[in-house]
N, C-alpha and C. Protein backbone atom coordinates (compact mmCIF):
# COMPACT_ATOMS: atom_id res chain seq x y z
N MET A 1 -1.00 -14.24 -15.18
CA MET A 1 -0.17 -14.61 -13.91
C MET A 1 -1.18 -15.33 -13.09
N MET A 2 -0.91 -16.32 -12.63
CA MET A 2 -1.44 -17.07 -11.36
C MET A 2 -1.43 -16.60 -10.09
N GLN A 3 -2.84 -16.14 -9.46
CA GLN A 3 -2.75 -15.64 -8.15
C GLN A 3 -3.08 -17.01 -7.26
N LEU A 4 -2.72 -16.76 -6.07
CA LEU A 4 -2.97 -17.68 -5.25
C LEU A 4 -3.73 -16.89 -3.91
N ASN A 5 -5.14 -16.58 -4.75
CA ASN A 5 -6.09 -15.81 -3.66
C ASN A 5 -5.48 -14.96 -3.07
N ARG A 6 -5.46 -14.63 -1.78
CA ARG A 6 -5.20 -13.39 -0.78
C ARG A 6 -4.27 -13.96 0.26
N CYS A 7 -3.24 -13.33 0.62
CA CYS A 7 -2.56 -13.43 1.93
C CYS A 7 -3.50 -13.41 3.13
N PRO A 8 -3.48 -14.62 3.86
CA PRO A 8 -4.47 -14.82 5.21
C PRO A 8 -3.91 -13.45 6.34
N ILE A 9 -2.86 -13.08 6.04
CA ILE A 9 -2.68 -11.66 6.97
C ILE A 9 -3.05 -10.40 6.86
N CYS A 10 -2.24 -10.10 5.14
CA CYS A 10 -2.37 -8.64 4.95
C CYS A 10 -3.32 -8.72 3.99
N HIS A 11 -3.92 -9.94 3.36
CA HIS A 11 -5.05 -9.75 2.19
C HIS A 11 -4.51 -9.12 0.84
N SER A 12 -2.81 -9.14 0.61
CA SER A 12 -2.55 -8.79 -0.42
C SER A 12 -2.50 -9.81 -1.46
N ARG A 13 -2.63 -9.80 -3.08
CA ARG A 13 -2.48 -10.86 -3.61
C ARG A 13 -0.99 -11.74 -3.63
N ILE A 14 -0.88 -13.06 -3.75
CA ILE A 14 0.18 -13.54 -3.66
C ILE A 14 0.16 -14.33 -5.13
N SER A 15 1.72 -14.07 -5.74
CA SER A 15 2.01 -14.41 -7.24
C SER A 15 2.40 -15.62 -7.19
N LEU A 16 2.00 -16.88 -7.55
CA LEU A 16 2.56 -18.03 -7.61
C LEU A 16 3.85 -18.02 -8.70
N GLU A 17 3.83 -17.31 -9.44
CA GLU A 17 5.01 -17.29 -10.59
C GLU A 17 5.99 -16.52 -10.16
N ALA A 18 5.68 -15.57 -9.24
CA ALA A 18 6.67 -14.68 -8.66
C ALA A 18 7.45 -15.67 -7.68
N MET A 19 6.75 -16.30 -6.84
CA MET A 19 7.08 -16.88 -5.63
C MET A 19 8.32 -18.19 -6.30
N VAL A 20 7.88 -18.72 -7.38
CA VAL A 20 8.87 -19.78 -7.82
C VAL A 20 9.95 -19.36 -8.96
N GLN A 21 9.95 -18.03 -9.07
CA GLN A 21 11.15 -17.30 -9.78
C GLN A 21 12.44 -17.50 -9.03
N ASP A 22 11.93 -16.93 -7.80
CA ASP A 22 13.13 -16.78 -6.89
C ASP A 22 13.67 -18.18 -6.55
N GLU A 23 14.88 -18.27 -6.78
CA GLU A 23 15.62 -19.79 -6.27
C GLU A 23 15.55 -19.85 -5.02
N ALA A 24 16.22 -18.87 -4.05
CA ALA A 24 15.88 -19.28 -2.72
C ALA A 24 14.58 -19.24 -2.14
N GLY A 25 13.73 -18.35 -2.55
CA GLY A 25 12.45 -18.57 -2.14
C GLY A 25 11.65 -20.14 -2.53
N ARG A 26 11.94 -20.64 -3.59
CA ARG A 26 11.39 -22.10 -3.95
C ARG A 26 12.30 -22.93 -3.00
N GLU A 27 13.26 -23.14 -2.87
CA GLU A 27 14.19 -23.84 -2.01
C GLU A 27 13.74 -23.58 -0.52
N LEU A 28 13.37 -22.87 -0.22
CA LEU A 28 12.62 -22.42 1.32
C LEU A 28 11.52 -22.89 1.44
N LEU A 29 10.41 -22.84 0.33
CA LEU A 29 9.12 -23.34 0.25
C LEU A 29 9.38 -24.74 0.45
N GLY A 30 10.14 -25.47 -0.57
CA GLY A 30 10.29 -26.78 -0.62
C GLY A 30 10.75 -27.41 0.90
N LEU A 31 11.87 -26.87 1.58
CA LEU A 31 12.01 -27.11 2.82
C LEU A 31 10.80 -27.00 3.77
N LEU A 32 10.31 -26.05 3.70
CA LEU A 32 9.06 -25.85 4.88
C LEU A 32 8.04 -26.96 4.32
N ALA A 33 7.73 -27.15 3.09
CA ALA A 33 6.73 -27.87 2.94
C ALA A 33 6.95 -29.48 2.98
N ALA A 34 8.29 -29.54 3.08
CA ALA A 34 8.53 -31.27 3.80
C ALA A 34 8.42 -31.36 4.89
N MET A 35 8.53 -30.22 5.79
CA MET A 35 8.27 -30.75 7.30
C MET A 35 6.53 -30.70 7.83
N ASN A 36 6.77 -31.10 8.79
CA ASN A 36 5.43 -31.39 9.46
C ASN A 36 4.93 -29.82 9.85
N ASN A 37 3.52 -29.67 10.06
CA ASN A 37 3.13 -28.61 10.15
C ASN A 37 3.76 -27.57 11.41
N ASP A 38 3.56 -28.46 12.65
CA ASP A 38 4.44 -27.87 13.93
C ASP A 38 5.68 -27.33 13.76
N TYR A 39 6.43 -28.02 13.06
CA TYR A 39 7.92 -27.68 13.04
C TYR A 39 8.06 -26.60 12.01
N ALA A 40 7.32 -26.66 11.01
CA ALA A 40 7.52 -25.50 9.82
C ALA A 40 7.02 -24.39 10.56
N GLN A 41 5.85 -24.19 11.39
CA GLN A 41 5.52 -23.12 11.88
C GLN A 41 6.30 -22.68 12.90
N ALA A 42 7.04 -23.24 13.73
CA ALA A 42 7.97 -23.02 14.72
C ALA A 42 8.97 -22.33 14.05
N LEU A 43 9.67 -22.89 12.79
CA LEU A 43 10.82 -22.43 12.12
C LEU A 43 10.65 -20.92 11.64
N VAL A 44 9.28 -21.12 10.89
CA VAL A 44 9.07 -19.67 10.39
C VAL A 44 8.90 -18.71 11.26
N THR A 45 8.37 -19.01 12.65
CA THR A 45 8.13 -17.73 13.72
C THR A 45 9.44 -17.76 13.79
N TYR A 46 10.32 -18.61 14.09
CA TYR A 46 12.07 -18.31 14.65
C TYR A 46 12.57 -17.39 13.75
N LEU A 47 12.44 -17.56 12.33
CA LEU A 47 13.03 -16.94 11.53
C LEU A 47 12.33 -15.66 11.49
N GLY A 48 11.20 -14.99 11.79
CA GLY A 48 10.88 -13.77 11.80
C GLY A 48 11.49 -13.04 12.84
N LEU A 49 12.14 -13.76 13.97
CA LEU A 49 12.99 -12.88 14.87
C LEU A 49 14.40 -11.86 14.15
N PHE A 50 14.51 -12.57 12.89
CA PHE A 50 15.81 -12.01 12.31
C PHE A 50 15.37 -10.67 11.33
N ARG A 51 14.01 -10.61 11.30
CA ARG A 51 13.41 -9.59 10.55
C ARG A 51 13.08 -8.19 11.26
N SER A 52 14.06 -6.98 10.87
CA SER A 52 13.88 -5.87 11.45
C SER A 52 12.42 -5.28 11.27
N ALA A 53 12.20 -4.22 11.91
CA ALA A 53 10.76 -3.66 12.04
C ALA A 53 10.57 -3.00 10.68
N HIS A 54 11.64 -2.69 9.85
CA HIS A 54 11.33 -1.58 8.98
C HIS A 54 11.89 -2.62 7.60
N ARG A 55 12.16 -3.60 7.58
CA ARG A 55 12.72 -4.52 6.34
C ARG A 55 12.41 -5.87 6.70
N ASP A 56 12.09 -6.20 5.52
CA ASP A 56 11.62 -7.85 5.51
C ASP A 56 12.90 -8.51 5.11
N LEU A 57 12.66 -9.76 5.59
CA LEU A 57 13.83 -10.69 5.69
C LEU A 57 13.99 -11.25 4.23
N SER A 58 14.90 -11.18 3.25
CA SER A 58 15.22 -11.85 2.08
C SER A 58 14.99 -13.24 2.19
N ASN A 59 14.63 -13.78 1.03
CA ASN A 59 14.32 -15.25 0.49
C ASN A 59 15.67 -16.01 0.84
N ALA A 60 16.71 -15.06 0.33
CA ALA A 60 18.07 -16.05 0.73
C ALA A 60 18.48 -16.15 2.04
N LYS A 61 18.35 -14.77 2.82
CA LYS A 61 18.83 -15.11 4.12
C LYS A 61 17.91 -15.89 4.97
N ALA A 62 16.76 -16.10 4.60
CA ALA A 62 15.67 -16.84 5.23
C ALA A 62 16.32 -18.35 5.17
N LEU A 63 16.54 -18.44 3.93
CA LEU A 63 16.97 -19.62 3.43
C LEU A 63 18.36 -20.36 4.40
N GLN A 64 19.41 -19.29 4.46
CA GLN A 64 20.52 -19.47 5.05
C GLN A 64 20.41 -19.63 6.28
N LEU A 65 19.48 -18.93 7.16
CA LEU A 65 19.16 -19.18 8.50
C LEU A 65 18.44 -20.64 9.02
N ALA A 66 17.45 -21.00 7.92
CA ALA A 66 16.96 -22.04 7.96
C ALA A 66 18.00 -23.40 8.01
N LYS A 67 18.96 -23.23 7.21
CA LYS A 67 19.71 -24.41 6.88
C LYS A 67 20.77 -24.60 8.14
N GLU A 68 21.10 -23.07 8.41
CA GLU A 68 21.76 -23.29 9.70
C GLU A 68 21.22 -23.77 11.13
N VAL A 69 19.58 -23.70 11.31
CA VAL A 69 18.90 -24.08 12.31
C VAL A 69 19.26 -25.53 12.08
N ALA A 70 19.04 -25.89 10.46
CA ALA A 70 18.62 -27.69 10.46
C ALA A 70 20.34 -27.96 10.76
N LYS A 71 21.14 -27.51 11.00
CA LYS A 71 22.47 -28.14 11.48
C LYS A 71 22.51 -28.37 13.03
N LEU A 72 21.35 -27.85 13.69
CA LEU A 72 21.11 -27.78 15.17
C LEU A 72 20.59 -29.51 15.59
N GLY A 73 20.18 -29.87 14.16
CA GLY A 73 19.39 -31.11 14.40
C GLY A 73 17.84 -30.95 13.81
N CYS A 74 16.87 -32.14 14.41
CA CYS A 74 15.53 -31.63 14.01
C CYS A 74 14.67 -32.67 14.94
N ASP A 75 15.21 -32.48 15.99
CA ASP A 75 14.66 -33.43 17.36
C ASP A 75 13.40 -32.44 17.94
N GLY A 76 12.27 -33.10 19.01
CA GLY A 76 11.60 -32.08 19.48
C GLY A 76 12.15 -31.30 20.51
N ALA A 77 13.18 -31.41 20.99
CA ALA A 77 13.94 -30.36 21.93
C ALA A 77 14.17 -29.39 21.10
N LEU A 78 14.43 -29.15 19.92
CA LEU A 78 14.62 -28.26 19.08
C LEU A 78 13.47 -27.29 18.53
N LEU A 79 12.46 -28.23 18.48
CA LEU A 79 11.02 -27.56 18.20
C LEU A 79 10.73 -26.77 19.52
N ILE A 80 10.91 -27.24 20.63
CA ILE A 80 10.40 -26.74 21.73
C ILE A 80 11.45 -25.53 21.85
N ALA A 81 12.57 -25.59 21.71
CA ALA A 81 13.72 -24.44 21.76
C ALA A 81 13.20 -23.33 21.00
N MET A 82 12.97 -23.55 20.03
CA MET A 82 12.35 -22.54 19.00
C MET A 82 11.20 -21.73 19.19
N ARG A 83 10.22 -22.26 19.81
CA ARG A 83 9.25 -21.95 20.46
C ARG A 83 9.34 -20.98 21.66
N LYS A 84 10.13 -21.56 22.48
CA LYS A 84 10.49 -20.55 23.81
C LYS A 84 11.26 -19.42 23.52
N THR A 85 12.04 -19.87 22.47
CA THR A 85 13.01 -18.45 21.89
C THR A 85 12.14 -17.56 21.29
N ALA A 86 11.10 -17.91 20.40
CA ALA A 86 10.20 -16.97 19.94
C ALA A 86 9.07 -15.87 20.85
N ASP A 87 8.85 -17.17 21.85
CA ASP A 87 7.69 -16.65 23.05
C ASP A 87 8.53 -15.44 23.72
N SER A 88 9.70 -16.10 24.46
CA SER A 88 10.60 -15.11 25.07
C SER A 88 10.67 -13.68 24.29
N LEU A 89 11.41 -13.71 23.46
CA LEU A 89 11.87 -12.64 22.65
C LEU A 89 10.88 -11.63 22.10
N ARG A 90 9.68 -12.38 21.52
CA ARG A 90 8.57 -11.51 21.17
C ARG A 90 7.85 -10.66 22.41
N SER A 91 8.09 -11.14 23.51
CA SER A 91 7.29 -10.60 24.58
C SER A 91 8.24 -9.14 25.10
N LYS A 92 9.63 -9.50 24.99
CA LYS A 92 10.66 -8.57 25.22
C LYS A 92 10.84 -7.38 24.02
N GLU A 93 10.30 -7.68 23.05
CA GLU A 93 10.20 -6.62 21.86
C GLU A 93 11.62 -5.99 21.60
N SER A 94 12.41 -7.09 21.59
CA SER A 94 14.00 -6.87 21.30
C SER A 94 14.33 -6.75 19.91
N LYS A 95 15.49 -6.44 19.88
CA LYS A 95 16.11 -6.05 18.49
C LYS A 95 16.10 -7.42 17.65
N PRO A 96 16.24 -7.34 15.99
CA PRO A 96 16.40 -8.82 15.56
C PRO A 96 17.22 -9.36 16.07
N LEU A 97 17.47 -10.65 15.74
CA LEU A 97 18.42 -11.48 16.17
C LEU A 97 19.52 -11.52 15.16
N ALA A 98 20.91 -11.47 15.62
CA ALA A 98 22.03 -11.59 14.48
C ALA A 98 22.65 -12.82 14.38
N ASN A 99 22.38 -13.79 15.18
CA ASN A 99 22.67 -15.22 15.21
C ASN A 99 21.84 -15.96 15.89
N HIS A 100 22.55 -17.46 16.02
CA HIS A 100 21.54 -18.56 16.86
C HIS A 100 22.14 -18.64 18.14
N ASN A 101 22.78 -17.72 18.91
CA ASN A 101 23.23 -17.97 19.91
C ASN A 101 22.24 -18.25 21.28
N TYR A 102 21.26 -17.41 21.14
CA TYR A 102 19.99 -17.35 22.12
C TYR A 102 19.30 -18.92 21.93
N LEU A 103 19.07 -19.18 20.73
CA LEU A 103 18.33 -20.35 20.34
C LEU A 103 18.98 -21.66 20.91
N LYS A 104 20.54 -21.40 20.75
CA LYS A 104 21.56 -22.40 21.40
C LYS A 104 21.56 -22.41 22.77
N SER A 105 21.43 -21.76 23.65
CA SER A 105 21.18 -21.58 24.93
C SER A 105 20.02 -22.04 25.15
N VAL A 106 18.82 -21.79 24.78
CA VAL A 106 17.72 -22.26 25.17
C VAL A 106 17.61 -23.55 24.63
N LEU A 107 18.36 -24.16 23.62
CA LEU A 107 18.45 -25.71 23.11
C LEU A 107 19.07 -26.35 24.34
N VAL A 108 20.29 -26.05 25.07
CA VAL A 108 20.70 -26.62 25.79
C VAL A 108 20.05 -26.82 27.12
N ASP A 109 19.22 -25.76 27.57
CA ASP A 109 18.42 -25.81 28.88
C ASP A 109 17.07 -26.91 28.42
N VAL A 110 16.48 -27.03 27.50
CA VAL A 110 15.64 -27.75 27.16
C VAL A 110 16.04 -29.08 26.95
N GLU A 111 17.19 -29.50 26.70
CA GLU A 111 17.64 -30.82 26.78
C GLU A 111 17.87 -31.37 27.97
N ALA A 112 18.59 -30.07 28.82
CA ALA A 112 18.60 -30.77 30.21
C ALA A 112 17.24 -30.87 31.04
N GLU A 113 16.80 -30.30 30.62
CA GLU A 113 15.06 -30.47 31.20
C GLU A 113 14.35 -31.98 30.80
N LEU A 114 14.72 -32.00 29.70
CA LEU A 114 14.09 -33.51 29.12
C LEU A 114 15.20 -34.33 29.20
N HIS A 115 16.33 -34.25 29.57
CA HIS A 115 17.45 -35.33 29.63
C HIS A 115 17.57 -36.12 28.33
N VAL A 116 17.88 -35.14 27.62
CA VAL A 116 18.17 -35.18 26.44
C VAL A 116 19.91 -35.20 25.84
N PRO A 117 20.52 -36.28 25.47
CA PRO A 117 22.16 -35.59 25.22
C PRO A 117 22.19 -35.01 24.07
N SER A 118 23.19 -33.93 24.25
CA SER A 118 23.45 -32.70 23.34
C SER A 118 24.61 -33.19 22.19
N VAL A 119 24.35 -34.60 21.97
CA VAL A 119 25.02 -34.92 20.77
C VAL A 119 24.59 -34.97 19.64
N ARG A 120 23.34 -35.25 19.55
CA ARG A 120 22.88 -35.49 18.45
C ARG A 120 22.59 -34.27 17.31
N ARG A 121 23.59 -33.58 16.40
CA ARG A 121 23.54 -32.45 15.94
C ARG A 121 23.95 -32.71 14.50
N ASP A 122 23.74 -33.75 13.82
CA ASP A 122 24.23 -34.20 12.59
C ASP A 122 23.22 -34.54 11.31
N THR A 123 21.81 -34.38 12.01
CA THR A 123 20.82 -35.10 11.07
C THR A 123 20.17 -33.98 10.35
N PRO A 124 20.14 -34.00 9.17
CA PRO A 124 19.63 -32.81 8.38
C PRO A 124 18.50 -32.84 8.23
N LEU A 125 17.78 -31.61 8.13
CA LEU A 125 16.38 -31.40 7.83
C LEU A 125 15.85 -32.05 6.59
N GLY A 126 16.57 -32.07 5.65
CA GLY A 126 16.47 -32.53 4.20
C GLY A 126 15.98 -34.00 4.06
N VAL A 127 16.23 -34.99 5.18
CA VAL A 127 16.24 -36.13 4.79
C VAL A 127 14.55 -36.52 5.33
N SER A 128 13.85 -37.09 4.03
CA SER A 128 12.65 -37.29 4.43
C SER A 128 12.01 -38.54 4.92
N GLY A 129 11.05 -38.24 6.23
CA GLY A 129 10.88 -39.46 6.73
C GLY A 129 11.82 -39.72 8.49
N VAL A 130 12.37 -38.48 8.80
CA VAL A 130 13.40 -38.70 10.06
C VAL A 130 12.41 -38.52 10.85
N THR A 131 12.80 -39.49 11.85
CA THR A 131 12.05 -39.43 13.25
C THR A 131 12.78 -39.37 14.40
N HIS A 132 12.78 -38.56 15.38
CA HIS A 132 13.42 -38.56 16.59
C HIS A 132 12.42 -38.69 17.85
N THR A 133 13.22 -39.14 18.60
CA THR A 133 12.27 -39.61 19.79
C THR A 133 12.71 -38.67 21.09
N VAL A 134 11.55 -37.87 22.08
CA VAL A 134 12.00 -37.33 23.11
C VAL A 134 11.48 -38.21 24.07
N PRO A 135 12.37 -38.24 25.34
CA PRO A 135 11.88 -39.27 26.38
C PRO A 135 10.55 -39.02 26.66
N GLU A 136 10.05 -39.97 27.20
CA GLU A 136 8.54 -39.98 27.52
C GLU A 136 7.50 -39.62 26.75
N GLN A 137 7.74 -39.43 25.36
CA GLN A 137 7.02 -38.71 24.33
C GLN A 137 6.82 -39.52 23.21
N ARG A 138 5.73 -39.56 22.44
CA ARG A 138 5.67 -40.05 20.90
C ARG A 138 6.92 -39.50 20.27
N PRO A 139 7.31 -40.37 19.37
CA PRO A 139 8.25 -39.77 18.22
C PRO A 139 7.76 -38.47 17.49
N ILE A 140 8.32 -37.61 17.57
CA ILE A 140 8.28 -36.65 16.66
C ILE A 140 8.55 -36.70 15.03
N HIS A 141 7.61 -36.50 14.14
CA HIS A 141 7.72 -36.77 12.76
C HIS A 141 7.99 -35.52 12.37
N ILE A 142 9.21 -34.92 11.70
CA ILE A 142 9.43 -33.96 11.39
C ILE A 142 9.09 -33.54 10.17
N PHE A 143 9.16 -34.47 9.16
CA PHE A 143 8.84 -34.21 7.74
C PHE A 143 7.54 -35.33 7.31
N LYS A 144 7.20 -34.90 6.37
CA LYS A 144 5.73 -35.80 6.21
C LYS A 144 6.34 -37.03 5.32
N THR A 145 5.64 -38.26 5.54
CA THR A 145 5.88 -39.28 4.76
C THR A 145 4.66 -39.45 4.34
N SER A 146 4.89 -40.60 3.40
CA SER A 146 3.87 -41.29 2.52
C SER A 146 3.00 -42.18 3.76
N LYS A 147 1.76 -42.77 3.31
CA LYS A 147 1.14 -43.56 4.19
C LYS A 147 1.70 -44.85 4.11
N THR A 148 2.22 -45.16 3.37
CA THR A 148 2.90 -46.78 3.48
C THR A 148 3.91 -46.59 4.74
N ALA A 149 4.72 -45.50 4.34
CA ALA A 149 6.06 -45.23 5.40
C ALA A 149 5.32 -44.99 6.57
N GLN A 150 4.29 -44.29 6.74
CA GLN A 150 3.54 -44.14 7.98
C GLN A 150 3.06 -45.49 8.87
N ALA A 151 2.40 -46.08 7.99
CA ALA A 151 1.82 -47.44 8.68
C ALA A 151 3.48 -48.15 9.17
N LEU A 152 4.29 -48.35 8.23
CA LEU A 152 5.53 -49.15 8.32
C LEU A 152 5.95 -48.66 10.34
N GLN A 153 6.05 -47.31 10.22
CA GLN A 153 6.53 -46.65 11.31
C GLN A 153 5.63 -47.17 12.27
N SER A 154 4.44 -46.94 12.36
CA SER A 154 3.46 -47.21 13.44
C SER A 154 3.43 -48.80 13.91
N LEU A 155 3.87 -49.72 12.88
CA LEU A 155 4.14 -50.97 13.19
C LEU A 155 5.33 -51.14 13.96
N GLU A 156 6.63 -50.53 13.54
CA GLU A 156 7.77 -50.28 14.32
C GLU A 156 7.57 -50.12 15.71
N ASP A 157 7.01 -48.83 15.98
CA ASP A 157 6.69 -48.25 16.97
C ASP A 157 5.93 -49.35 17.93
N PHE A 158 4.95 -49.92 17.41
CA PHE A 158 4.20 -50.90 18.03
C PHE A 158 5.05 -51.93 18.80
N GLY A 159 6.13 -52.64 17.67
CA GLY A 159 6.48 -53.55 18.02
C GLY A 159 7.83 -53.02 19.15
N ASN A 160 8.10 -51.65 19.27
CA ASN A 160 8.99 -51.51 20.55
C ASN A 160 8.56 -51.22 21.68
N GLU A 161 6.86 -51.26 21.78
CA GLU A 161 6.33 -50.70 22.99
C GLU A 161 6.57 -52.13 23.67
């Protein structure tokens, strides 16, 4: 059995074979691996808000929740909203979340602060190389892209300045 060293948090062994045998876990890992680090970390932290103190979140439930968040969009406002939601609810030590209503209300507030219209909610997270712009900020690259795509995007950004 192939081991992935040790978990950096709990120091238990992580079995690569066990991780890829679970279809939902494999799909969730693929989704997270395709995202840039900031967005993936914010999403994982946000998903943790659905876990109870006595039970882990199943991969299937985490995947379902991640797909629901994906339907909200993938722009900088959502990234900020996920971070604010996690910070706010962690400090309150509240019960696990049951739905995304709190995130949605925070997202509306963030979009109002950033003067971003709330109509862009149809871009799926699974589209590689998706870039959204938040006013007065550099574009936020949600997904990892090839060096060629990054170079082309840089040229396009340069031409738009």
